[in-house]
Amino acid sequence: MDRAEIDLNIDRDELHKLLLKLKEDGYIIMATLEDISLSANGYIFQITGCYTAMILKHAIDLEALASEKAYRISIDDKLLANTNRLNRLTRWLVIGTISLAVIELIQFLNAMIRCHN
């Protein structure tokens, strides 16, 4: 890798903090502030878009999670609506069954009364 001069409009302390962060993350090898080499991980990191790529990937992951959450909420809402419909149907079935039982009981009692008369 060729040596490159970096001309940034930041003060020396800020540059030192940035370089220490890159060193801690394993992207550079730093003997002194003036003697810095890019590590193999740093080279790969540079090719893949540095911290910007990491931020974009994180944003995409967050968007996917939000989309999945919205989908789950939609599914939960549909499940709740189906449960409510099933409960109403069950109530109508109970009412129908009780009504049929009452009608049959009345018919049975009428038949019993006719038999005894």
C-alpha atoms as a PDB file:
ATOM      1  CA  MET A   1       0.000   0.000   0.000  1.00  0.00           C
ATOM      2  CA  ASP A   2       1.346   3.424  -0.945  1.00  0.00           C
ATOM      3  CA  ARG A   3       1.915   6.077   1.636  1.00  0.00           C
ATOM      4  CA  ALA A   4      -0.649   8.835   1.458  1.00  0.00           C
ATOM      5  CA  GLU A   5      -0.748  12.237   3.003  1.00  0.00           C
ATOM      6  CA  ILE A   6      -4.048  13.138   4.628  1.00  0.00           C
ATOM      7  CA  ASP A   7      -5.028  16.798   4.638  1.00  0.00           C
ATOM      8  CA  LEU A   8      -8.056  17.201   6.886  1.00  0.00           C
ATOM      9  CA  ASN A   9      -9.387  20.417   8.305  1.00  0.00           C
ATOM     10  CA  ILE A  10      -9.549  19.066  11.857  1.00  0.00           C
ATOM     11  CA  ASP A  11      -7.266  19.676  14.784  1.00  0.00           C
ATOM     12  CA  ARG A  12      -4.624  17.194  15.868  1.00  0.00           C
ATOM     13  CA  ASP A  13      -6.564  16.005  18.968  1.00  0.00           C
ATOM     14  CA  GLU A  14      -9.678  15.249  16.915  1.00  0.00           C
ATOM     15  CA  LEU A  15      -7.582  13.400  14.316  1.00  0.00           C
ATOM     16  CA  HIS A  16      -5.939  11.421  17.101  1.00  0.00           C
ATOM     17  CA  LYS A  17      -9.378  10.387  18.468  1.00  0.00           C
ATOM     18  CA  LEU A  18     -10.500   9.298  15.012  1.00  0.00           C
ATOM     19  CA  LEU A  19      -7.359   7.278  14.464  1.00  0.00           C
ATOM     20  CA  LEU A  20      -7.639   5.648  17.893  1.00  0.00           C
ATOM     21  CA  LYS A  21     -11.210   4.603  17.053  1.00  0.00           C
ATOM     22  CA  LEU A  22     -10.031   3.052  13.793  1.00  0.00           C
ATOM     23  CA  LYS A  23      -7.194   1.320  15.658  1.00  0.00           C
ATOM     24  CA  GLU A  24      -9.565  -0.033  18.353  1.00  0.00           C
ATOM     25  CA  ASP A  25     -11.838  -1.391  15.629  1.00  0.00           C
ATOM     26  CA  GLY A  26      -8.815  -3.121  14.059  1.00  0.00           C
ATOM     27  CA  TYR A  27      -8.841  -1.195  10.782  1.00  0.00           C
ATOM     28  CA  ILE A  28      -5.418   0.457  11.075  1.00  0.00           C
ATOM     29  CA  ILE A  29      -2.026  -0.337  12.551  1.00  0.00           C
ATOM     30  CA  MET A  30      -0.610   2.721  14.242  1.00  0.00           C
ATOM     31  CA  ALA A  31       2.920   2.962  15.585  1.00  0.00           C
ATOM     32  CA  THR A  32       2.811   6.744  15.950  1.00  0.00           C
ATOM     33  CA  LEU A  33       0.423   9.429  14.785  1.00  0.00           C
ATOM     34  CA  GLU A  34       2.576   9.901  11.665  1.00  0.00           C
ATOM     35  CA  ASP A  35       3.194   6.179  10.971  1.00  0.00           C
ATOM     36  CA  ILE A  36      -0.131   4.533  10.167  1.00  0.00           C
ATOM     37  CA  SER A  37      -0.792   1.460   8.040  1.00  0.00           C
ATOM     38  CA  LEU A  38      -4.055  -0.024   6.867  1.00  0.00           C
ATOM     39  CA  SER A  39      -4.645  -3.542   8.220  1.00  0.00           C
ATOM     40  CA  ALA A  40      -6.181  -6.320   6.103  1.00  0.00           C
ATOM     41  CA  ASN A  41      -9.475  -5.732   7.889  1.00  0.00           C
ATOM     42  CA  GLY A  42      -9.058  -2.027   7.262  1.00  0.00           C
ATOM     43  CA  TYR A  43      -8.557  -2.634   3.541  1.00  0.00           C
ATOM     44  CA  ILE A  44     -11.730  -4.734   3.401  1.00  0.00           C
ATOM     45  CA  PHE A  45     -13.481  -2.133   5.538  1.00  0.00           C
ATOM     46  CA  GLN A  46     -12.425   0.608   3.102  1.00  0.00           C
ATOM     47  CA  ILE A  47     -13.607  -1.387   0.055  1.00  0.00           C
ATOM     48  CA  THR A  48     -17.007  -2.144   1.607  1.00  0.00           C
ATOM     49  CA  GLY A  49     -17.806   1.486   2.367  1.00  0.00           C
ATOM     50  CA  CYS A  50     -16.395   2.084   5.851  1.00  0.00           C
ATOM     51  CA  TYR A  51     -18.705   3.216   8.617  1.00  0.00           C
ATOM     52  CA  THR A  52     -21.214   4.577   6.058  1.00  0.00           C
ATOM     53  CA  ALA A  53     -21.930   1.047   4.841  1.00  0.00           C
ATOM     54  CA  MET A  54     -22.378  -0.110   8.434  1.00  0.00           C
ATOM     55  CA  ILE A  55     -24.826   2.732   9.104  1.00  0.00           C
ATOM     56  CA  LEU A  56     -26.770   1.983   5.912  1.00  0.00           C
ATOM     57  CA  LYS A  57     -26.938  -1.721   6.773  1.00  0.00           C
ATOM     58  CA  HIS A  58     -28.181  -0.843  10.253  1.00  0.00           C
ATOM     59  CA  ALA A  59     -30.840   1.463   8.752  1.00  0.00           C
ATOM     60  CA  ILE A  60     -31.943  -1.287   6.346  1.00  0.00           C
ATOM     61  CA  ASP A  61     -32.125  -3.760   9.236  1.00  0.00           C
ATOM     62  CA  LEU A  62     -34.235  -1.308  11.251  1.00  0.00           C
ATOM     63  CA  GLU A  63     -36.544  -0.792   8.276  1.00  0.00           C
ATOM     64  CA  ALA A  64     -36.921  -4.561   7.863  1.00  0.00           C
ATOM     65  CA  LEU A  65     -37.736  -4.912  11.566  1.00  0.00           C
ATOM     66  CA  ALA A  66     -40.327  -2.134  11.336  1.00  0.00           C
ATOM     67  CA  SER A  67     -41.862  -3.799   8.286  1.00  0.00           C
ATOM     68  CA  GLU A  68     -41.975  -7.163  10.072  1.00  0.00           C
ATOM     69  CA  LYS A  69     -43.553  -5.529  13.125  1.00  0.00           C
ATOM     70  CA  ALA A  70     -46.230  -3.874  10.955  1.00  0.00           C
ATOM     71  CA  TYR A  71     -46.896  -7.237   9.278  1.00  0.00           C
ATOM     72  CA  ARG A  72     -47.257  -8.970  12.656  1.00  0.00           C
ATOM     73  CA  ILE A  73     -49.632  -6.256  13.883  1.00  0.00           C
ATOM     74  CA  SER A  74     -51.689  -6.713  10.722  1.00  0.00           C
ATOM     75  CA  ILE A  75     -51.792 -10.483  11.267  1.00  0.00           C
ATOM     76  CA  ASP A  76     -52.769  -9.966  14.926  1.00  0.00           C
ATOM     77  CA  ASP A  77     -55.576  -7.599  13.888  1.00  0.00           C
ATOM     78  CA  LYS A  78     -56.892 -10.135  11.372  1.00  0.00           C
ATOM     79  CA  LEU A  79     -56.667 -12.913  13.956  1.00  0.00           C
ATOM     80  CA  LEU A  80     -58.626 -10.810  16.451  1.00  0.00           C
ATOM     81  CA  ALA A  81     -61.295 -10.024  13.822  1.00  0.00           C
ATOM     82  CA  ASN A  82     -61.594 -13.738  12.958  1.00  0.00           C
ATOM     83  CA  THR A  83     -61.852 -14.646  16.641  1.00  0.00           C
ATOM     84  CA  ASN A  84     -64.646 -12.103  17.119  1.00  0.00           C
ATOM     85  CA  ARG A  85     -66.517 -13.494  14.089  1.00  0.00           C
ATOM     86  CA  LEU A  86     -66.133 -17.038  15.394  1.00  0.00           C
ATOM     87  CA  ASN A  87     -67.448 -15.961  18.807  1.00  0.00           C
ATOM     88  CA  ARG A  88     -70.517 -14.341  17.188  1.00  0.00           C
ATOM     89  CA  LEU A  89     -71.129 -17.463  15.104  1.00  0.00           C
ATOM     90  CA  THR A  90     -70.866 -19.643  18.222  1.00  0.00           C
ATOM     91  CA  ARG A  91     -73.400 -17.427  20.028  1.00  0.00           C
ATOM     92  CA  TRP A  92     -75.841 -17.741  17.117  1.00  0.00           C
ATOM     93  CA  LEU A  93     -75.364 -21.513  17.109  1.00  0.00           C
ATOM     94  CA  VAL A  94     -76.108 -21.639  20.848  1.00  0.00           C
ATOM     95  CA  ILE A  95     -79.231 -19.492  20.395  1.00  0.00           C
ATOM     96  CA  GLY A  96     -80.370 -21.683  17.497  1.00  0.00           C
ATOM     97  CA  THR A  97     -79.763 -24.893  19.427  1.00  0.00           C
ATOM     98  CA  ILE A  98     -81.632 -23.624  22.488  1.00  0.00           C
ATOM     99  CA  SER A  99     -84.511 -22.383  20.287  1.00  0.00           C
ATOM    100  CA  LEU A 100     -84.743 -25.759  18.539  1.00  0.00           C
ATOM    101  CA  ALA A 101     -84.698 -27.558  21.901  1.00  0.00           C
ATOM    102  CA  VAL A 102     -87.512 -25.327  23.218  1.00  0.00           C
ATOM    103  CA  ILE A 103     -89.599 -25.892  20.048  1.00  0.00           C
ATOM    104  CA  GLU A 104     -89.076 -29.663  20.285  1.00  0.00           C
ATOM    105  CA  LEU A 105     -89.976 -29.607  24.001  1.00  0.00           C
ATOM    106  CA  ILE A 106     -93.183 -27.673  23.251  1.00  0.00           C
ATOM    107  CA  GLN A 107     -94.090 -30.130  20.476  1.00  0.00           C
ATOM    108  CA  PHE A 108     -93.383 -33.071  22.805  1.00  0.00           C
ATOM    109  CA  LEU A 109     -95.521 -31.592  25.579  1.00  0.00           C
ATOM    110  CA  ASN A 110     -98.354 -30.888  23.088  1.00  0.00           C
ATOM    111  CA  ALA A 111     -98.185 -34.484  21.903  1.00  0.00           C
ATOM    112  CA  MET A 112     -98.254 -35.752  25.512  1.00  0.00           C
ATOM    113  CA  ILE A 113    -101.269 -33.566  26.303  1.00  0.00           C
ATOM    114  CA  ARG A 114    -103.096 -34.850  23.190  1.00  0.00           C
ATOM    115  CA  CYS A 115    -102.366 -38.460  24.179  1.00  0.00           C
ATOM    116  CA  HIS A 116    -103.865 -38.004  27.651  1.00  0.00           C
ATOM    117  CA  ASN A 117    -106.977 -36.289  26.374  1.00  0.00           C
END
